Each structure stands twice: as C-alpha cells, then as structure tokens.
Amino acid sequence: MSIPVSGNVRPSVVVGLVGTTLVWYDFYLYVGASAVVFHHQFFPYLSPFAETLAAVGLYGAGLVARPVGGVLFGRLGDRRGRRPALVATLLLTGTATGLIALLPSYAQAGLFAPLALVALRLLQGLGLGGAWGAAAVVAVECSAPERRGRAASWAQIGAPAGNLLAFAVVSAVSALLTPAQFVTWGWRLPFLVSALLVLVGLWARMRLEETPVFRTLHASGLQARRPVAELWQEHRGKLLSVVAITAGADVVLFTFSFSYVLTLLNAGGLSFSAMLVLAVLAPLALIGLIPFFGAVSDRYGRRRVCLVGTVATAVWAAVFFPLFVAGRLAVTMLACVLGMAAFAAMYAPQAALVAEAFPGRVRSSGATVGYQLGGLFGGTLAVFCTSWATHKFATIAAVPVYAFVALAVSAAALLASSRLVEGQPA
C-alpha cells in the first residue's frame, strides 16, 4: 500500500518539540518543587521522613501513571487519529500542571490540598504517557523515509530543552523574589508557564492535519479494533525489544544526569560560576547534537547509530567515576563532553526507530506503550535501586554501575533486534 508523504512536516516537528519540552519542563519543575516547596505547602503535618516519602510517592505515582496513559492515548491514536491523541495529551498535561499552581495550601484547605496534588499529578502522568509516542509517530508519518530520523529527533530535544527552560524560569523567579516569597507563592509562577506552552502547542496543532497513514487506514477500514491486544498478540517481540532498547536511555536521564556530574565536579573543586556555565551549556550542546545524530541515522541507519551511541555511553558510565576519583578535573570535564555526544547518538535515533518498528495499524500503541514501559523499568526502577544502593554501600559509584548494566542490556537488545525493520513503509 503506497502512502503519500505529507507536506505537514514543519508543524509536526514544532508539535513534537513543544509537547516533549512541556513533558520534561513539568518533570524537572515538579522534582525541584517536591524537594523545596511541597513539604512546606502540602505536607506540614507529617514528619520529615514521611514528607519525603509523600513527595517521592507523588513523583512515583506520576511515573506509574505514564504506562497507563501510553495505553489510553496509544489506543486513541490508533482508533481515532494521531491528531486527537496529540491534542488530548497536551491539554491534559498542561492543564494539570497549570492547576497545580492554583492549589490552596494545607493551611488553607486542609487534607484537600495534598489529595488534590496527588490527583493532578496522576492526571499529569496520564498525559505524559501519551505525549512522546504521539509526537514521534506524527513526525515519522509526515516525513519522507530518508528524513524521518532528523524529523522525529526533535521530539527528543524536549529533554534538554525542558531542563534548560525549567532552570531559566526558576532562576529568574528566584532572583526577583526573596526566599520567603518564593516558598510562599513565587513557586506557583513557573507552573503557570506551562499554560503558555500549551497555547503554543495548540496553535501548532491547529495547523496540523491528520497523517497520511491514518487517513489511508481510516478510508480503507483497516484500523485495528483492539490495537493494544493486537500489539501484544502479534508484535510482542518488537514491543519487548523496544522496552529494552529505550530503558537504558531513561536510566541515564533519571540517574546519571548532568546534576550527578555537577555533584562530582563540585566535590572536585569546580567553582560555582563554572558549574553554572556548564549547567546551561550542557543542554544547549544536546539541543544541537540531537538533530545532527538524527540526520546521521537517516544516512547510516537507526540501529547502527543508536548501537554505537549506547555502547559509547556505557563505556562513559564505566570509566567516568574512576576518572573523577583519579582527581584529573580536566580529563573529567572532557569526559562530560564526550558523554553528551555519546548520549545524543544513542538518544536521537530512538524516536524514529521506535515508531518505525510497528505497522501503521498499531504504531501509536506500540510507540507509546513500548517507550513508557521502558521508562517504568528503566528510569523509575533505577531511581529507587540507585538510591537504595547509594545508602546501602555508602558510595555514589552505584549510579554508574547501574547505568552500565542497563545500557549493556539495551545494546544487547539492539544487536538482537533484527526484526525491527528500518525504513519500512509508514
């Protein structure tokens, strides 16, 4: 079946970038607020230990909700269209985040305040669950085969862009307010910025037509009636491969992040101003590297580029901690630069690789469910395992060890995933 290529590539790229930037902006914002603000505003009646558990529980609840959101919005994308799935995920995620800014504190509303925060976090998690997959599928289905890697890679830029945006907004608000003002009411302002991102995303999505693939499926009556069931029954091997391939990148994002590297560099004597510069330059570098490696994957193949990046990132995780312990700061900083390049090579092709792994009938479900399960078994599990191991063995070496093992699993899955057909007809 021949599918025409859409001229709708630019709006699809903008939509993917805005949607995933919103996802990661919310992620970094919520994590920061959990540590600094939420225990004052929503959990003052709990012991310090219970406050921490409550914040971690809320964060975990959002992540556990993501696979459920992947199932719901993946099915919506396969049954009703990619465009409705995109609009629904953006509205749900942005609205839930914006409403967090309007919540009363525990002092004002009692138990309703933390319960409402939990409910909004769950809704936010559901929206996050479908956002990445919807963006990747639309970019792939609106692009020519020889350009899918670069087009879909813009959905991956959301991670560094969201990190940078959260850092910039929180820094700006903090600089304008006193610490007491920020904890009392100023923390709400960064959450309201999500509403602006939603407006930008909706503007782009109003210009976005349905993808040629779904239009053809709809016109011919070939849509899957039960896409999630069909995905599991007929494409289980591909789904499990996608879970294993994407889990390693999530481990790096959630544990072996740039904040971890900054902690090491700080302990090694790097000045605060130098770390501040690195905190800005690192995501900027990734924003430039990701579309580059997306384009490279168009030329040399998704699996090949992703495999090279995964192996290089695993080597980086294995040698970085010994380099730091050796006390050679210049070498350590060079390792940071090489690590960002390796991670970009691994991360950039994954959007197109995952979306191309599944046929059009179940592509939305396959991409969203596979990616979110990878996040659940990768990033979410890694947070708790590395935290436990760090306290158990009294060393942060547990982080690179765990990351190396997870990346080795991802590399093995890439080597074994010959059934993931690159450049197959959309």
Protein backbone atom coordinates (compact mmCIF):
# COMPACT_ATOMS: atom_id res chain seq x y z
CA MET A 1 0.00 0.00 0.00
CA SER A 2 1.56 3.28 -1.11
CA ILE A 3 1.25 6.15 1.36
CA PRO A 4 1.83 9.72 0.18
CA VAL A 5 4.24 11.88 2.16
CA SER A 6 2.63 14.83 3.91
CA GLY A 7 3.70 18.42 3.44
CA ASN A 8 2.88 18.81 7.11
CA VAL A 9 6.43 18.18 8.33
CA ARG A 10 7.24 21.54 9.93
CA PRO A 11 4.07 21.71 12.11
CA SER A 12 4.66 18.10 13.16
CA VAL A 13 8.21 18.96 14.25
CA VAL A 14 7.02 22.02 16.19
CA VAL A 15 4.30 19.97 17.84
CA GLY A 16 6.73 17.25 18.86
CA LEU A 17 9.22 19.76 20.25
CA VAL A 18 6.63 21.73 22.23
CA GLY A 19 4.92 18.61 23.55
CA THR A 20 8.06 16.86 24.80
CA THR A 21 9.53 20.13 26.11
CA LEU A 22 6.38 20.56 28.18
CA VAL A 23 6.74 16.98 29.45
CA TRP A 24 10.29 17.46 30.63
CA TYR A 25 9.73 21.01 31.87
CA ASP A 26 6.99 19.63 34.11
CA PHE A 27 9.25 16.77 35.20
CA TYR A 28 12.16 18.96 36.29
CA LEU A 29 9.84 21.54 37.79
CA TYR A 30 7.94 19.01 39.87
CA VAL A 31 11.08 17.30 41.13
CA GLY A 32 12.51 20.64 42.25
CA ALA A 33 9.27 21.76 43.88
CA SER A 34 8.94 18.41 45.70
CA ALA A 35 12.30 18.93 47.36
CA VAL A 36 11.98 22.64 48.18
CA VAL A 37 8.34 23.69 48.38
CA PHE A 38 5.76 20.92 48.58
CA HIS A 39 6.65 19.71 52.05
CA HIS A 40 6.01 23.26 53.32
CA GLN A 41 2.84 23.89 51.36
CA PHE A 42 1.12 20.49 51.31
CA PHE A 43 2.65 18.18 53.94
CA PRO A 44 3.38 20.25 57.07
CA TYR A 45 1.51 17.78 59.27
CA LEU A 46 3.91 14.91 58.51
CA SER A 47 7.27 14.01 59.99
CA PRO A 48 10.30 14.94 57.88
CA PHE A 49 10.76 11.32 56.78
CA ALA A 50 7.09 10.96 55.90
CA GLU A 51 7.22 14.26 54.00
CA THR A 52 9.98 12.87 51.82
CA LEU A 53 8.06 9.65 51.26
CA ALA A 54 4.96 11.64 50.31
CA ALA A 55 6.88 13.70 47.75
CA VAL A 56 8.57 10.61 46.31
CA GLY A 57 5.21 8.84 46.27
CA LEU A 58 3.65 11.66 44.28
CA TYR A 59 6.54 11.62 41.84
CA GLY A 60 6.34 7.86 41.52
CA ALA A 61 2.59 7.98 41.06
CA GLY A 62 3.02 10.25 38.09
CA LEU A 63 5.54 7.91 36.52
CA VAL A 64 3.49 4.78 37.17
CA ALA A 65 0.54 6.54 35.53
CA ARG A 66 2.59 7.06 32.38
CA PRO A 67 2.29 3.45 31.08
CA VAL A 68 -1.47 3.66 31.68
CA GLY A 69 -1.52 6.91 29.70
CA GLY A 70 0.50 5.17 27.00
CA VAL A 71 -2.19 2.51 26.67
CA LEU A 72 -5.08 5.01 26.68
CA PHE A 73 -3.62 7.55 24.26
CA GLY A 74 -1.91 4.94 22.12
CA ARG A 75 -5.30 3.33 21.58
CA LEU A 76 -6.83 6.74 20.88
CA GLY A 77 -4.17 7.41 18.24
CA ASP A 78 -4.80 4.09 16.51
CA ARG A 79 -8.58 4.24 16.71
CA ARG A 80 -9.46 7.93 16.32
CA GLY A 81 -6.36 9.52 14.83
CA ARG A 82 -2.93 10.83 15.69
CA ARG A 83 -4.09 14.43 15.86
CA PRO A 84 -6.75 13.87 18.59
CA ALA A 85 -4.15 11.98 20.65
CA LEU A 86 -1.71 14.88 20.33
CA VAL A 87 -4.29 17.48 21.34
CA ALA A 88 -5.58 15.40 24.26
CA THR A 89 -2.12 14.75 25.74
CA LEU A 90 -1.09 18.39 25.50
CA LEU A 91 -4.31 19.67 27.06
CA LEU A 92 -4.30 17.14 29.89
CA THR A 93 -0.63 17.60 30.80
CA GLY A 94 -0.60 21.39 30.55
CA THR A 95 -3.92 21.84 32.35
CA ALA A 96 -2.92 19.56 35.24
CA THR A 97 0.41 21.37 35.64
CA GLY A 98 -1.23 24.78 35.49
CA LEU A 99 -3.81 23.79 38.09
CA ILE A 100 -1.04 22.77 40.50
CA ALA A 101 -0.10 26.46 40.55
CA LEU A 102 -3.63 27.33 41.72
CA LEU A 103 -3.94 24.77 44.51
CA PRO A 104 -4.57 26.04 48.05
CA SER A 105 -2.02 25.08 50.67
CA TYR A 106 -2.65 22.66 53.53
CA ALA A 107 -3.04 25.64 55.87
CA GLN A 108 -5.87 26.94 53.66
CA ALA A 109 -7.71 23.77 52.66
CA GLY A 110 -6.54 21.01 54.98
CA LEU A 111 -6.36 17.48 53.64
CA PHE A 112 -7.94 18.53 50.33
CA ALA A 113 -4.67 20.20 49.30
CA PRO A 114 -2.40 17.11 49.27
CA LEU A 115 -5.19 14.93 47.87
CA ALA A 116 -5.75 17.39 45.01
CA LEU A 117 -2.00 17.47 44.35
CA VAL A 118 -1.97 13.67 44.11
CA ALA A 119 -4.94 13.72 41.71
CA LEU A 120 -3.36 16.36 39.45
CA ARG A 121 -0.06 14.50 39.47
CA LEU A 122 -1.87 11.35 38.32
CA LEU A 123 -3.61 13.26 35.53
CA GLN A 124 -0.31 14.82 34.56
CA GLY A 125 1.26 11.37 34.42
CA LEU A 126 -1.52 10.09 32.16
CA GLY A 127 -0.92 12.94 29.73
CA LEU A 128 2.83 12.47 29.82
CA GLY A 129 2.31 8.82 28.97
CA GLY A 130 0.95 9.57 25.52
CA ALA A 131 2.84 12.74 24.60
CA TRP A 132 6.18 11.32 23.42
CA GLY A 133 4.74 8.47 21.37
CA ALA A 134 2.20 10.72 19.68
CA ALA A 135 4.91 13.24 18.74
CA ALA A 136 7.25 10.56 17.38
CA VAL A 137 4.52 8.86 15.33
CA VAL A 138 3.30 12.11 13.76
CA ALA A 139 6.84 13.18 12.82
CA VAL A 140 7.58 9.80 11.22
CA GLU A 141 4.29 9.56 9.34
CA CYS A 142 4.51 13.10 7.99
CA SER A 143 8.11 12.76 6.75
CA ALA A 144 9.80 11.15 3.77
CA PRO A 145 11.64 7.92 4.71
CA GLU A 146 15.04 9.49 4.15
CA ARG A 147 14.25 12.33 6.60
CA ARG A 148 12.38 10.57 9.40
CA GLY A 149 15.36 10.30 11.73
CA ARG A 150 16.01 14.02 11.83
CA ALA A 151 12.31 14.99 11.91
CA ALA A 152 11.48 12.62 14.76
CA SER A 153 14.64 13.55 16.72
CA TRP A 154 13.12 16.94 17.51
CA ALA A 155 10.78 15.14 19.90
CA GLN A 156 13.95 14.07 21.78
CA ILE A 157 15.13 17.65 22.18
CA GLY A 158 12.36 18.12 24.75
CA ALA A 159 14.55 16.60 27.50
CA PRO A 160 17.41 19.14 27.38
CA ALA A 161 15.05 21.96 26.33
CA GLY A 162 12.71 21.27 29.25
CA ASN A 163 15.66 21.10 31.63
CA LEU A 164 17.04 24.40 30.35
CA LEU A 165 13.64 26.10 30.41
CA ALA A 166 12.89 24.97 33.95
CA PHE A 167 16.31 26.13 35.12
CA ALA A 168 15.86 29.52 33.43
CA VAL A 169 12.31 30.16 34.70
CA VAL A 170 13.01 29.08 38.28
CA SER A 171 16.26 31.08 38.35
CA ALA A 172 14.51 34.19 37.04
CA VAL A 173 11.66 33.95 39.56
CA SER A 174 14.05 33.22 42.43
CA ALA A 175 16.19 36.22 41.52
CA LEU A 176 13.19 38.57 41.63
CA LEU A 177 11.82 37.33 44.95
CA THR A 178 13.09 36.74 48.45
CA PRO A 179 13.41 33.10 49.59
CA ALA A 180 10.33 33.52 51.80
CA GLN A 181 8.29 34.94 48.93
CA PHE A 182 9.35 32.13 46.62
CA VAL A 183 8.36 29.40 49.10
CA THR A 184 5.07 31.13 49.96
CA TRP A 185 3.73 31.99 46.50
CA GLY A 186 6.51 32.53 43.95
CA TRP A 187 6.88 28.81 43.25
CA ARG A 188 3.48 28.92 41.53
CA LEU A 189 4.69 31.17 38.70
CA PRO A 190 6.89 28.57 36.92
CA PHE A 191 3.94 26.16 36.91
CA LEU A 192 1.79 28.78 35.19
CA VAL A 193 4.34 28.95 32.36
CA SER A 194 3.00 25.54 31.30
CA ALA A 195 -0.16 27.31 30.18
CA LEU A 196 1.89 29.36 27.70
CA LEU A 197 3.49 26.20 26.32
CA VAL A 198 0.03 24.69 25.91
CA LEU A 199 -1.11 27.73 23.90
CA VAL A 200 1.93 27.48 21.62
CA GLY A 201 1.37 23.77 21.16
CA LEU A 202 -2.32 24.19 20.42
CA TRP A 203 -1.53 26.88 17.86
CA ALA A 204 0.83 24.47 16.09
CA ARG A 205 -1.58 21.56 16.36
CA MET A 206 -4.44 23.55 14.87
CA ARG A 207 -2.30 23.73 11.70
CA LEU A 208 -1.61 20.00 11.85
CA GLU A 209 -3.62 17.75 9.58
CA GLU A 210 -4.16 14.07 10.18
CA THR A 211 -1.23 11.97 8.98
CA PRO A 212 -1.41 10.29 5.54
CA VAL A 213 -1.02 6.87 7.18
CA PHE A 214 -4.05 7.20 9.40
CA ARG A 215 -6.13 8.79 6.63
CA THR A 216 -5.38 5.79 4.42
CA LEU A 217 -6.16 3.31 7.20
CA HIS A 218 -9.41 5.09 8.01
CA ALA A 219 -10.53 5.29 4.37
CA SER A 220 -9.84 1.59 3.81
CA GLY A 221 -11.35 0.46 7.11
CA LEU A 222 -8.08 -1.20 8.19
CA GLN A 223 -7.84 0.39 11.64
CA ALA A 224 -7.18 -2.05 14.45
CA ARG A 225 -10.30 -2.69 16.52
CA ARG A 226 -8.29 -3.66 19.60
CA PRO A 227 -4.84 -2.17 18.96
CA VAL A 228 -3.31 -2.95 22.36
CA ALA A 229 -4.45 -6.57 22.24
CA GLU A 230 -3.23 -6.90 18.65
CA LEU A 231 0.08 -5.33 19.64
CA TRP A 232 0.64 -7.93 22.35
CA GLN A 233 -0.59 -10.90 20.34
CA GLU A 234 1.17 -10.19 17.04
CA HIS A 235 4.09 -7.87 17.84
CA ARG A 236 5.15 -8.95 21.32
CA GLY A 237 8.79 -9.47 20.34
CA LYS A 238 9.10 -5.99 18.87
CA LEU A 239 7.40 -4.48 21.91
CA LEU A 240 9.79 -6.16 24.33
CA SER A 241 12.75 -5.13 22.17
CA VAL A 242 11.60 -1.51 22.27
CA VAL A 243 11.24 -1.68 26.07
CA ALA A 244 14.80 -2.97 26.45
CA ILE A 245 16.27 -0.53 23.92
CA THR A 246 14.71 2.59 25.48
CA ALA A 247 15.24 1.60 29.13
CA GLY A 248 18.97 2.40 29.07
CA ALA A 249 18.47 5.98 27.93
CA ASP A 250 15.88 6.54 30.67
CA VAL A 251 18.30 5.25 33.29
CA VAL A 252 20.84 7.83 32.15
CA LEU A 253 18.25 10.63 32.15
CA PHE A 254 16.89 9.79 35.58
CA THR A 255 20.05 8.83 37.47
CA PHE A 256 23.29 9.51 35.60
CA SER A 257 22.11 13.01 34.80
CA PHE A 258 24.11 16.18 34.46
CA SER A 259 23.19 17.09 38.05
CA TYR A 260 25.06 13.96 39.17
CA VAL A 261 28.07 15.03 37.13
CA LEU A 262 27.92 18.51 38.65
CA THR A 263 27.93 16.96 42.12
CA LEU A 264 31.16 15.18 41.32
CA LEU A 265 32.71 18.26 39.77
CA ASN A 266 31.71 20.34 42.79
CA ALA A 267 33.37 17.83 45.09
CA GLY A 268 36.41 18.02 42.82
CA GLY A 269 36.77 21.75 43.36
CA LEU A 270 35.00 23.27 40.35
CA SER A 271 33.79 26.80 41.11
CA PHE A 272 30.09 27.63 41.34
CA SER A 273 30.25 30.03 38.39
CA ALA A 274 31.89 27.35 36.22
CA MET A 275 29.21 24.83 37.19
CA LEU A 276 26.52 27.38 36.36
CA VAL A 277 28.00 27.80 32.89
CA LEU A 278 28.12 24.02 32.43
CA ALA A 279 24.51 23.69 33.60
CA VAL A 280 23.49 25.96 30.70
CA LEU A 281 25.95 24.76 28.07
CA ALA A 282 25.22 21.04 28.55
CA PRO A 283 21.55 21.12 27.45
CA LEU A 284 22.43 23.62 24.71
CA ALA A 285 25.00 21.19 23.39
CA LEU A 286 22.45 18.37 23.38
CA ILE A 287 19.93 20.58 21.57
CA GLY A 288 22.47 20.94 18.77
CA LEU A 289 23.74 17.35 18.81
CA ILE A 290 20.41 15.53 18.80
CA PRO A 291 19.14 16.70 15.37
CA PHE A 292 22.66 16.13 13.99
CA PHE A 293 22.65 12.49 15.04
CA GLY A 294 19.05 12.18 13.89
CA ALA A 295 20.25 13.17 10.43
CA VAL A 296 23.19 10.77 10.73
CA SER A 297 20.72 7.96 11.42
CA ASP A 298 18.99 8.80 8.14
CA ARG A 299 22.24 8.15 6.34
CA TYR A 300 23.69 5.20 8.25
CA GLY A 301 20.64 3.57 9.86
CA ARG A 302 18.82 3.95 13.18
CA ARG A 303 20.02 0.74 14.81
CA ARG A 304 23.65 1.26 13.84
CA VAL A 305 23.86 4.84 15.17
CA CYS A 306 21.83 4.01 18.28
CA LEU A 307 24.01 0.97 19.00
CA VAL A 308 27.25 2.95 18.66
CA GLY A 309 25.84 5.64 20.96
CA THR A 310 24.61 3.09 23.51
CA VAL A 311 27.97 1.29 23.67
CA ALA A 312 29.84 4.61 23.90
CA THR A 313 27.54 5.80 26.70
CA ALA A 314 28.05 2.52 28.57
CA VAL A 315 31.82 2.92 28.31
CA TRP A 316 31.46 6.50 29.52
CA ALA A 317 29.43 5.37 32.53
CA ALA A 318 32.02 2.71 33.33
CA VAL A 319 35.10 4.95 33.19
CA PHE A 320 33.76 8.31 34.34
CA PHE A 321 33.78 7.59 38.08
CA PRO A 322 37.37 6.20 38.09
CA LEU A 323 38.49 9.26 36.11
CA PHE A 324 36.93 11.50 38.73
CA VAL A 325 38.44 9.56 41.62
CA ALA A 326 41.83 9.94 39.95
CA GLY A 327 41.45 13.69 40.52
CA ARG A 328 42.10 14.82 36.96
CA LEU A 329 39.49 17.53 36.59
CA ALA A 330 40.39 18.47 33.01
CA VAL A 331 40.05 14.84 31.90
CA THR A 332 36.78 14.56 33.79
CA MET A 333 35.33 17.61 32.04
CA LEU A 334 36.44 16.20 28.68
CA ALA A 335 34.62 13.01 29.62
CA CYS A 336 31.48 15.08 30.21
CA VAL A 337 31.68 16.50 26.69
CA LEU A 338 32.26 13.08 25.13
CA GLY A 339 29.46 11.65 27.25
CA MET A 340 26.96 14.19 25.91
CA ALA A 341 27.94 13.31 22.33
CA ALA A 342 27.60 9.59 23.05
CA PHE A 343 24.22 10.06 24.70
CA ALA A 344 22.95 12.18 21.81
CA ALA A 345 23.97 9.46 19.35
CA MET A 346 22.03 6.89 21.38
CA TYR A 347 19.01 9.06 22.12
CA ALA A 348 18.40 10.89 18.83
CA PRO A 349 17.50 7.90 16.59
CA GLN A 350 15.20 6.28 19.15
CA ALA A 351 12.09 8.25 18.21
CA ALA A 352 12.16 7.12 14.58
CA LEU A 353 13.44 3.64 15.50
CA VAL A 354 10.56 3.01 17.90
CA ALA A 355 7.85 4.42 15.61
CA GLU A 356 9.17 2.54 12.58
CA ALA A 357 9.24 -0.74 14.50
CA PHE A 358 5.45 -1.15 14.29
CA PRO A 359 2.99 -1.25 11.38
CA GLY A 360 0.57 1.65 10.99
CA ARG A 361 -2.37 -0.25 12.46
CA VAL A 362 -0.77 -0.39 15.91
CA ARG A 363 2.03 2.20 15.57
CA SER A 364 0.58 4.66 18.07
CA SER A 365 0.02 1.97 20.72
CA GLY A 366 3.39 0.33 20.06
CA ALA A 367 5.35 3.56 20.33
CA THR A 368 3.61 4.89 23.44
CA VAL A 369 3.33 1.64 25.38
CA GLY A 370 6.84 0.48 24.48
CA TYR A 371 8.50 3.76 25.38
CA GLN A 372 6.59 4.17 28.65
CA LEU A 373 7.30 0.61 29.77
CA GLY A 374 10.94 1.30 29.01
CA GLY A 375 10.69 4.35 31.26
CA LEU A 376 8.98 2.35 34.01
CA PHE A 377 11.52 -0.49 34.05
CA GLY A 378 14.39 1.86 33.26
CA GLY A 379 14.15 5.29 34.87
CA THR A 380 11.59 4.67 37.62
CA LEU A 381 13.16 1.44 38.83
CA ALA A 382 16.63 2.98 38.57
CA VAL A 383 15.74 5.88 40.88
CA PHE A 384 14.81 3.56 43.71
CA CYS A 385 17.56 0.98 43.09
CA THR A 386 20.39 3.51 42.90
CA SER A 387 19.06 5.42 45.92
CA TRP A 388 18.97 2.19 47.93
CA ALA A 389 22.41 1.09 46.75
CA THR A 390 23.96 4.51 47.42
CA HIS A 391 22.79 4.43 51.05
CA LYS A 392 23.49 0.71 51.46
CA PHE A 393 27.08 0.82 50.24
CA ALA A 394 27.76 4.50 51.11
CA THR A 395 29.05 5.40 47.64
CA ILE A 396 27.65 7.13 44.58
CA ALA A 397 29.52 4.61 42.43
CA ALA A 398 26.25 2.66 42.43
CA VAL A 399 24.89 5.13 39.85
CA PRO A 400 27.40 4.48 37.02
CA VAL A 401 27.40 0.74 37.78
CA TYR A 402 23.62 0.54 37.41
CA ALA A 403 23.70 2.71 34.31
CA PHE A 404 26.37 0.50 32.72
CA VAL A 405 24.34 -2.66 33.31
CA ALA A 406 21.16 -1.08 31.91
CA LEU A 407 22.98 0.22 28.83
CA ALA A 408 24.54 -3.19 28.26
CA VAL A 409 21.04 -4.68 28.21
CA SER A 410 19.93 -2.02 25.71
CA ALA A 411 22.94 -2.73 23.48
CA ALA A 412 22.22 -6.45 23.57
CA ALA A 413 18.60 -5.77 22.61
CA LEU A 414 19.74 -3.65 19.67
CA LEU A 415 22.06 -6.40 18.47
CA ALA A 416 19.28 -8.97 18.73
CA SER A 417 16.52 -6.80 17.25
CA SER A 418 16.90 -7.70 13.60
CA ARG A 419 13.10 -7.82 13.40
CA LEU A 420 13.00 -4.06 13.88
CA VAL A 421 12.84 -3.16 10.19
CA GLU A 422 14.37 0.23 9.41
CA GLY A 423 12.78 2.50 6.86
CA GLN A 424 9.75 0.25 6.40
CA PRO A 425 6.77 1.83 4.62
CA ALA A 426 4.92 4.05 7.07
